[in-house]
Amino acid sequence: MVRRGPISAFRDFLHSEATGGILLMIAAALAMAVANSPLGESYFGALGAHVGPLSLLHWINDGLMALFFLLVGLEIKRELVDGHLSSWSDRALPAVAAVGGMAVPALIYLLVTASTPGLARGWAIPSATDIAFAIGVMALLGKRVPASLKLFLTTVAIVDDMGAVAIIALAYTSQISGLALLAAGIVMGAMFILNRAGVKALRPYLALAVLLWLAVLLSGVHATIAGVLAASLIPITATPGAPDSRESPLHRLEHALHPWVAYAIVPLFGFANAGVSFAGIGLPQLLAPLPLGVASGLFFGKQIGVLCAIWLCDRLGLSERPGGATWTQIYATALLCGIGFTMSLFIGGLAFSDPMLIDEVKIGVLGGSILSALTGYIVLRFARSPSPLNRKKEAGRPSPAAPGPRPD
């Protein structure tokens, strides 16, 4: 019996994200149901209960989510070194689309909230795309969605994550401890030396990653950034044009970590953060500047920013739009980019400390994300696929962004 090679990271990623995205939807719905039931008081009380030095909610958001950001960092490094973002031509379209999809939502948010002092700090909340949630919506449509759009959405979201990580590190860091940062630098130096020495065993890197998380936590920089920093120093064995190498530490860690993050950590984060009590909330509260700014940024800002970026790239010849897809299907994908659930809730918790404002952020994120998901689903569901003649023309067009076939 011939032993098959390892599963492609991209195929494994899409499968895990799709299933994890559906679990995330269930977890968010369950959180809202519990928060508005007789169990609501127990739910909020349990999240606020202290376990050691931190509350349970902080352990989830600062501890477990560091593993989420570790996985994000691994995916970013894999795509840049050995994946669909490994060349400048491949990076052009998702990079421009991600920039447009971050800038326009932030601008709309600032315009909507301009009349209320103190809300400008939340400008980055509608700037991120939730990969798991968006891929989960696409998975519900099966083969109706062209593979090129799944790839495009994934790469845009990964570039989007790079921007979100940079924003968290730069915009939401207050007081800095120089001694703790020095300790973090020493730990990273040790990981770099191991990498350069060719050490491929994961245990030394993981042990140092725990120390790095502790140092970053004490430094004043948000602790989850440690996950991305650690990921950048995990060795990778490049395997262009082939499935992942079993000898690559990065690929091994990514495959081992992905199910835990997709099926457990992200749904748990959703359950812990999506719960909001709707008691006493009416139309005036829903249309308050903060929730309206977040929802408008996600729903209107994302679709405008992403779609205009794709159109400009295609029009100016910088990069061609995703092949095998109509403009209607591309528009639906831009709508799905407005699902900002996980990262938007995370940034909202960093931007504001007032529980009332955090609840308003949750309402805006849930409203904008659900509206984007439903509208994107409906448009994709009823969008016509390209005719065979158009597919043949697409296939015959030279594509500077994709010089040759790339296996998943």
Protein backbone atom coordinates (compact mmCIF):
# COMPACT_ATOMS: atom_id res chain seq x y z
CA MET A 1 0.00 0.00 0.00
CA VAL A 2 1.44 3.34 -1.05
CA ARG A 3 1.56 5.89 1.74
CA ARG A 4 0.04 9.20 0.76
CA GLY A 5 1.81 12.48 1.38
CA PRO A 6 0.63 15.00 3.92
CA ILE A 7 -2.53 16.96 3.28
CA SER A 8 -2.01 20.33 1.63
CA ALA A 9 -2.02 23.07 4.26
CA PHE A 10 -4.44 25.10 2.13
CA ARG A 11 -6.96 22.27 1.70
CA ASP A 12 -6.68 21.43 5.39
CA PHE A 13 -7.05 25.13 6.21
CA LEU A 14 -10.26 25.53 4.19
CA HIS A 15 -11.82 22.39 5.66
CA SER A 16 -10.93 23.33 9.24
CA GLU A 17 -11.98 26.97 8.81
CA ALA A 18 -15.30 26.03 7.24
CA THR A 19 -16.21 23.64 10.05
CA GLY A 20 -14.79 25.98 12.68
CA GLY A 21 -16.74 28.87 11.19
CA ILE A 22 -20.00 26.98 11.55
CA LEU A 23 -19.09 26.13 15.17
CA LEU A 24 -18.34 29.81 15.73
CA MET A 25 -21.81 30.77 14.47
CA ILE A 26 -23.37 28.26 16.86
CA ALA A 27 -21.23 29.48 19.78
CA ALA A 28 -22.16 33.13 19.13
CA ALA A 29 -25.86 32.30 18.90
CA LEU A 30 -25.64 30.25 22.09
CA ALA A 31 -23.86 33.11 23.91
CA MET A 32 -26.62 35.56 23.01
CA ALA A 33 -29.29 33.07 24.02
CA VAL A 34 -27.65 32.40 27.39
CA ALA A 35 -26.97 36.10 28.06
CA ASN A 36 -30.69 36.85 27.60
CA SER A 37 -31.96 33.88 29.60
CA PRO A 38 -32.26 33.25 33.36
CA LEU A 39 -28.66 31.96 33.13
CA GLY A 40 -27.42 35.39 32.06
CA GLU A 41 -26.29 36.47 35.52
CA SER A 42 -24.34 33.23 36.01
CA TYR A 43 -22.80 33.58 32.52
CA PHE A 44 -21.44 37.09 33.16
CA GLY A 45 -20.44 36.17 36.71
CA ALA A 46 -18.41 33.17 35.55
CA LEU A 47 -16.57 35.24 32.92
CA GLY A 48 -15.66 37.83 35.57
CA ALA A 49 -14.53 35.27 38.16
CA HIS A 50 -10.78 35.31 38.85
CA VAL A 51 -8.65 32.25 38.27
CA GLY A 52 -5.29 33.19 39.74
CA PRO A 53 -4.19 36.69 38.70
CA LEU A 54 -6.65 37.05 35.81
CA SER A 55 -10.38 36.70 35.25
CA LEU A 56 -11.66 33.80 33.16
CA LEU A 57 -12.42 36.21 30.32
CA HIS A 58 -8.85 37.54 30.43
CA TRP A 59 -7.42 34.01 30.38
CA ILE A 60 -9.43 33.35 27.23
CA ASN A 61 -8.64 36.68 25.53
CA ASP A 62 -5.00 37.05 26.61
CA GLY A 63 -3.99 33.41 27.06
CA LEU A 64 -5.85 31.07 24.72
CA MET A 65 -6.06 33.72 22.00
CA ALA A 66 -2.25 33.83 21.97
CA LEU A 67 -2.51 30.36 20.39
CA PHE A 68 -4.92 31.80 17.83
CA PHE A 69 -2.38 34.49 16.98
CA LEU A 70 0.39 31.89 16.90
CA LEU A 71 -1.61 30.05 14.23
CA VAL A 72 -2.25 33.34 12.40
CA GLY A 73 1.50 33.99 12.42
CA LEU A 74 2.26 30.49 11.13
CA GLU A 75 -0.25 30.92 8.30
CA ILE A 76 1.17 34.32 7.38
CA LYS A 77 4.74 33.00 7.30
CA ARG A 78 3.74 29.90 5.29
CA GLU A 79 1.87 31.94 2.71
CA LEU A 80 4.71 34.47 2.36
CA VAL A 81 7.49 31.87 2.12
CA ASP A 82 5.84 28.85 0.57
CA GLY A 83 2.28 29.64 -0.42
CA HIS A 84 -0.10 31.83 -2.36
CA LEU A 85 1.64 35.06 -1.29
CA SER A 86 5.18 33.91 -2.07
CA SER A 87 5.69 36.23 -5.06
CA TRP A 88 5.03 39.94 -5.53
CA SER A 89 2.60 39.25 -8.39
CA ASP A 90 0.56 36.95 -6.15
CA ARG A 91 0.50 39.53 -3.36
CA ALA A 92 -0.69 42.49 -5.43
CA LEU A 93 -4.45 41.87 -5.60
CA PRO A 94 -5.04 40.59 -2.02
CA ALA A 95 -2.76 43.30 -0.61
CA VAL A 96 -4.55 46.16 -2.39
CA ALA A 97 -7.96 44.64 -1.59
CA ALA A 98 -7.03 44.25 2.08
CA VAL A 99 -5.79 47.85 2.31
CA GLY A 100 -9.00 49.12 0.72
CA GLY A 101 -11.01 46.85 2.99
CA MET A 102 -9.31 48.30 6.08
CA ALA A 103 -9.12 51.98 5.13
CA VAL A 104 -12.70 52.56 3.94
CA PRO A 105 -14.38 50.92 6.98
CA ALA A 106 -12.18 52.95 9.32
CA LEU A 107 -13.08 56.15 7.45
CA ILE A 108 -16.82 55.39 7.58
CA TYR A 109 -16.58 54.59 11.29
CA LEU A 110 -14.84 57.89 12.00
CA LEU A 111 -17.41 59.83 9.95
CA VAL A 112 -20.36 58.21 11.77
CA THR A 113 -18.86 58.64 15.27
CA ALA A 114 -17.27 62.08 14.70
CA SER A 115 -19.90 63.89 16.78
CA THR A 116 -19.22 61.82 19.92
CA PRO A 117 -15.97 62.48 21.83
CA GLY A 118 -13.89 59.45 22.81
CA LEU A 119 -15.16 57.05 20.16
CA ALA A 120 -12.37 57.68 17.64
CA ARG A 121 -10.26 55.13 19.53
CA GLY A 122 -12.40 52.37 18.02
CA TRP A 123 -11.53 53.22 14.40
CA ALA A 124 -9.90 49.81 13.79
CA ILE A 125 -12.86 47.70 14.99
CA PRO A 126 -14.50 47.28 11.53
CA SER A 127 -11.18 46.82 9.71
CA ALA A 128 -10.74 43.04 10.09
CA THR A 129 -12.26 40.03 8.32
CA ASP A 130 -13.11 36.81 10.18
CA ILE A 131 -11.69 33.99 8.02
CA ALA A 132 -13.50 31.17 9.82
CA PHE A 133 -16.93 32.81 9.72
CA ALA A 134 -16.61 33.89 6.05
CA ILE A 135 -15.29 30.52 4.84
CA GLY A 136 -18.05 28.86 6.87
CA VAL A 137 -20.68 30.83 4.94
CA MET A 138 -19.02 29.86 1.65
CA ALA A 139 -18.96 26.22 2.75
CA LEU A 140 -22.75 26.26 3.09
CA LEU A 141 -22.94 26.93 -0.67
CA GLY A 142 -20.65 24.07 -1.68
CA LYS A 143 -19.65 24.05 -5.35
CA ARG A 144 -21.62 27.18 -6.14
CA VAL A 145 -18.55 29.14 -5.04
CA PRO A 146 -15.56 29.04 -7.44
CA ALA A 147 -12.32 27.81 -5.87
CA SER A 148 -10.63 31.05 -6.99
CA LEU A 149 -12.93 33.06 -4.71
CA LYS A 150 -12.21 30.82 -1.70
CA LEU A 151 -8.49 31.33 -2.32
CA PHE A 152 -8.95 35.07 -2.82
CA LEU A 153 -11.02 35.48 0.36
CA THR A 154 -8.47 33.50 2.36
CA THR A 155 -5.47 35.47 1.12
CA VAL A 156 -7.24 38.82 1.64
CA ALA A 157 -8.12 37.78 5.20
CA ILE A 158 -4.52 36.71 5.89
CA VAL A 159 -3.15 40.06 4.65
CA ASP A 160 -5.96 41.67 6.67
CA ASP A 161 -4.68 39.81 9.75
CA MET A 162 -1.20 41.26 9.19
CA GLY A 163 -2.69 44.74 9.32
CA ALA A 164 -4.77 43.91 12.40
CA VAL A 165 -1.72 42.57 14.25
CA ALA A 166 0.23 45.73 13.41
CA ILE A 167 -2.69 47.89 14.58
CA ILE A 168 -2.95 46.02 17.90
CA ALA A 169 0.79 46.37 18.50
CA LEU A 170 1.00 50.08 17.58
CA ALA A 171 -2.40 51.61 18.35
CA TYR A 172 -3.47 49.69 21.43
CA THR A 173 -0.31 49.65 23.49
CA SER A 174 -0.14 52.13 26.36
CA GLN A 175 2.58 51.91 29.01
CA ILE A 176 5.74 50.04 28.08
CA SER A 177 8.10 48.20 30.44
CA GLY A 178 11.60 48.42 29.00
CA LEU A 179 12.90 45.56 31.16
CA ALA A 180 10.15 43.18 30.05
CA LEU A 181 10.71 44.17 26.41
CA LEU A 182 14.42 43.44 26.85
CA ALA A 183 13.54 40.00 28.22
CA ALA A 184 11.27 39.41 25.22
CA GLY A 185 14.11 40.42 22.89
CA ILE A 186 16.48 37.97 24.60
CA VAL A 187 13.97 35.13 24.24
CA MET A 188 13.46 35.96 20.56
CA GLY A 189 17.23 36.03 20.12
CA ALA A 190 17.45 32.52 21.57
CA MET A 191 14.74 31.32 19.17
CA PHE A 192 16.59 32.95 16.26
CA ILE A 193 19.82 31.16 17.23
CA LEU A 194 18.00 27.82 17.37
CA ASN A 195 16.54 28.52 13.94
CA ARG A 196 19.92 29.43 12.43
CA ALA A 197 21.51 26.38 14.05
CA GLY A 198 19.07 24.15 12.17
CA VAL A 199 17.20 22.86 15.22
CA LYS A 200 13.94 21.32 13.98
CA ALA A 201 12.55 19.89 17.21
CA LEU A 202 9.49 21.89 18.24
CA ARG A 203 9.78 21.56 22.02
CA PRO A 204 12.58 24.11 22.52
CA TYR A 205 10.70 26.68 20.41
CA LEU A 206 7.44 26.08 22.27
CA ALA A 207 9.13 26.37 25.67
CA LEU A 208 10.69 29.68 24.63
CA ALA A 209 7.35 30.81 23.17
CA VAL A 210 5.76 30.46 26.62
CA LEU A 211 8.52 32.65 28.11
CA LEU A 212 8.02 35.14 25.28
CA TRP A 213 4.28 35.31 26.02
CA LEU A 214 4.98 36.04 29.69
CA ALA A 215 7.55 38.75 28.84
CA VAL A 216 5.23 40.43 26.33
CA LEU A 217 2.32 40.25 28.81
CA LEU A 218 4.45 42.10 31.40
CA SER A 219 5.79 44.59 28.84
CA GLY A 220 2.50 46.41 28.20
CA VAL A 221 2.25 45.21 24.57
CA HIS A 222 -0.79 42.97 24.21
CA ALA A 223 0.22 39.39 25.06
CA THR A 224 -1.31 37.87 21.91
CA ILE A 225 1.37 39.62 19.82
CA ALA A 226 3.80 37.08 21.31
CA GLY A 227 2.07 34.40 19.24
CA VAL A 228 2.86 36.16 15.97
CA LEU A 229 6.44 36.94 17.04
CA ALA A 230 7.03 33.31 18.03
CA ALA A 231 5.57 32.05 14.74
CA SER A 232 7.97 34.21 12.73
CA LEU A 233 10.90 32.31 14.30
CA ILE A 234 9.60 28.75 13.77
CA PRO A 235 11.69 27.12 10.99
CA ILE A 236 9.99 26.26 7.70
CA THR A 237 11.11 23.85 4.98
CA ALA A 238 9.97 25.31 1.67
CA THR A 239 8.27 22.84 -0.68
CA PRO A 240 7.24 24.82 -3.77
CA GLY A 241 4.82 23.00 -6.06
CA ALA A 242 4.35 20.12 -3.62
CA PRO A 243 2.39 19.26 -0.47
CA ASP A 244 3.83 20.28 2.88
CA SER A 245 7.08 18.70 4.01
CA ARG A 246 6.86 16.33 6.96
CA GLU A 247 10.29 17.65 7.95
CA SER A 248 9.09 21.26 8.23
CA PRO A 249 8.59 22.30 11.88
CA LEU A 250 6.21 25.10 10.86
CA HIS A 251 3.97 22.80 8.85
CA ARG A 252 3.92 20.18 11.64
CA LEU A 253 2.98 22.77 14.26
CA GLU A 254 0.35 24.35 12.02
CA HIS A 255 -1.37 21.04 11.32
CA ALA A 256 -1.27 20.10 15.01
CA LEU A 257 -2.55 23.47 16.22
CA HIS A 258 -5.22 24.19 13.62
CA PRO A 259 -7.95 21.78 14.85
CA TRP A 260 -7.60 23.02 18.45
CA VAL A 261 -7.87 26.66 17.38
CA ALA A 262 -10.66 26.18 14.82
CA TYR A 263 -12.79 23.75 16.80
CA ALA A 264 -12.18 24.85 20.39
CA ILE A 265 -10.40 28.17 21.00
CA VAL A 266 -12.19 30.39 18.47
CA PRO A 267 -15.69 29.03 19.32
CA LEU A 268 -14.87 29.46 23.04
CA PHE A 269 -13.76 33.03 22.36
CA GLY A 270 -17.01 33.63 20.47
CA PHE A 271 -19.08 32.20 23.31
CA ALA A 272 -17.23 34.31 25.90
CA ASN A 273 -17.36 37.56 23.93
CA ALA A 274 -20.58 37.53 21.90
CA GLY A 275 -22.92 37.45 24.87
CA VAL A 276 -24.77 40.74 25.22
CA SER A 277 -27.97 41.37 27.13
CA PHE A 278 -30.66 43.07 25.06
CA ALA A 279 -32.67 44.08 28.12
CA GLY A 280 -33.61 47.74 27.81
CA ILE A 281 -32.13 48.02 24.31
CA GLY A 282 -34.38 49.64 21.73
CA LEU A 283 -34.02 51.39 18.39
CA PRO A 284 -32.27 54.49 19.88
CA GLN A 285 -29.57 52.27 21.40
CA LEU A 286 -29.14 50.28 18.17
CA LEU A 287 -28.74 53.52 16.20
CA ALA A 288 -26.30 55.09 18.66
CA PRO A 289 -23.06 56.35 17.03
CA LEU A 290 -20.81 53.49 18.22
CA PRO A 291 -22.86 50.45 17.10
CA LEU A 292 -23.97 52.28 13.96
CA GLY A 293 -20.37 53.23 13.12
CA VAL A 294 -19.10 49.67 13.60
CA ALA A 295 -21.98 48.08 11.64
CA SER A 296 -21.72 50.65 8.82
CA GLY A 297 -17.96 50.19 8.59
CA LEU A 298 -18.29 46.42 8.32
CA PHE A 299 -21.25 46.28 5.95
CA PHE A 300 -20.74 49.32 3.72
CA GLY A 301 -17.04 50.00 4.19
CA LYS A 302 -15.79 46.49 3.51
CA GLN A 303 -17.80 45.92 0.34
CA ILE A 304 -16.90 49.35 -1.06
CA GLY A 305 -13.20 49.12 -0.16
CA VAL A 306 -12.63 45.56 -1.38
CA LEU A 307 -14.74 45.77 -4.56
CA CYS A 308 -13.26 49.13 -5.64
CA ALA A 309 -9.73 47.80 -5.02
CA ILE A 310 -10.36 44.73 -7.21
CA TRP A 311 -11.92 46.86 -9.95
CA LEU A 312 -9.01 49.32 -9.92
CA CYS A 313 -6.39 46.55 -10.03
CA ASP A 314 -8.16 44.88 -12.93
CA ARG A 315 -8.80 48.19 -14.75
CA LEU A 316 -5.23 49.47 -14.35
CA GLY A 317 -3.64 46.13 -15.20
CA LEU A 318 -1.94 45.76 -11.82
CA SER A 319 -3.51 42.34 -11.29
CA GLU A 320 -6.44 40.45 -12.75
CA ARG A 321 -9.61 39.69 -10.85
CA PRO A 322 -10.14 36.09 -9.61
CA GLY A 323 -10.61 33.79 -12.59
CA GLY A 324 -13.75 31.75 -13.23
CA ALA A 325 -15.95 34.18 -11.30
CA THR A 326 -18.44 36.84 -12.37
CA TRP A 327 -18.46 40.36 -10.98
CA THR A 328 -21.63 39.46 -9.07
CA GLN A 329 -19.81 36.60 -7.33
CA ILE A 330 -16.87 38.89 -6.63
CA TYR A 331 -19.25 41.46 -5.14
CA ALA A 332 -20.70 38.76 -2.89
CA THR A 333 -17.18 37.89 -1.72
CA ALA A 334 -16.56 41.55 -0.93
CA LEU A 335 -19.75 41.44 1.16
CA LEU A 336 -18.45 38.42 3.08
CA CYS A 337 -15.30 40.39 3.89
CA GLY A 338 -17.61 42.45 6.13
CA ILE A 339 -17.84 39.56 8.59
CA GLY A 340 -15.46 40.91 11.20
CA PHE A 341 -16.55 38.83 14.15
CA THR A 342 -13.52 37.42 16.02
CA MET A 343 -10.91 40.09 15.36
CA SER A 344 -13.41 42.96 15.56
CA LEU A 345 -14.66 41.83 18.98
CA PHE A 346 -11.04 41.40 20.07
CA ILE A 347 -10.04 44.91 18.97
CA GLY A 348 -13.21 46.33 20.52
CA GLY A 349 -12.16 44.92 23.88
CA LEU A 350 -8.79 46.66 23.53
CA ALA A 351 -10.25 49.97 22.37
CA PHE A 352 -12.72 50.47 25.22
CA SER A 353 -12.84 49.55 28.90
CA ASP A 354 -16.34 50.84 29.68
CA PRO A 355 -18.70 47.78 29.78
CA MET A 356 -21.49 49.84 28.21
CA LEU A 357 -19.29 50.79 25.24
CA ILE A 358 -18.09 47.19 24.88
CA ASP A 359 -21.73 46.05 24.70
CA GLU A 360 -22.35 48.67 22.00
CA VAL A 361 -19.32 47.35 20.10
CA LYS A 362 -20.75 43.82 20.32
CA ILE A 363 -24.11 45.01 18.96
CA GLY A 364 -22.38 46.77 16.06
CA VAL A 365 -20.09 43.82 15.28
CA LEU A 366 -22.94 41.31 15.44
CA GLY A 367 -25.24 43.52 13.36
CA GLY A 368 -22.67 44.33 10.68
CA SER A 369 -21.32 40.77 10.50
CA ILE A 370 -24.74 39.10 10.34
CA LEU A 371 -25.96 41.56 7.69
CA SER A 372 -22.80 40.99 5.63
CA ALA A 373 -23.08 37.20 6.01
CA LEU A 374 -26.76 37.03 5.04
CA THR A 375 -26.44 39.44 2.11
CA GLY A 376 -23.26 37.76 0.84
CA TYR A 377 -24.88 34.33 1.12
CA ILE A 378 -28.02 35.41 -0.77
CA VAL A 379 -26.06 37.09 -3.57
CA LEU A 380 -23.75 34.07 -3.96
CA ARG A 381 -26.70 31.67 -3.78
CA PHE A 382 -28.49 33.29 -6.71
CA ALA A 383 -25.48 34.54 -8.71
CA ARG A 384 -25.04 32.90 -12.09
CA SER A 385 -21.79 31.13 -12.85
CA PRO A 386 -19.77 32.26 -15.91
CA SER A 387 -20.94 30.80 -19.21
CA PRO A 388 -18.71 28.11 -20.80
CA LEU A 389 -17.66 30.65 -23.48
CA ASN A 390 -16.59 33.17 -20.85
CA ARG A 391 -14.73 30.46 -18.95
CA LYS A 392 -12.84 29.58 -22.12
CA LYS A 393 -11.93 33.25 -22.67
CA GLU A 394 -10.82 33.56 -19.02
CA ALA A 395 -8.66 30.47 -19.35
CA GLY A 396 -6.97 31.86 -22.45
CA ARG A 397 -6.09 35.23 -20.91
CA PRO A 398 -2.52 35.63 -19.69
CA SER A 399 -2.49 36.26 -15.94
CA PRO A 400 0.49 38.10 -14.47
CA ALA A 401 -0.79 37.29 -10.98
CA ALA A 402 -0.75 33.54 -11.63
CA PRO A 403 2.12 32.54 -13.97
CA GLY A 404 1.36 28.87 -13.72
CA PRO A 405 -0.90 26.36 -12.04
CA ARG A 406 -0.28 26.03 -8.33
CA PRO A 407 -1.55 22.91 -6.58
CA ASP A 408 -3.46 23.34 -3.37
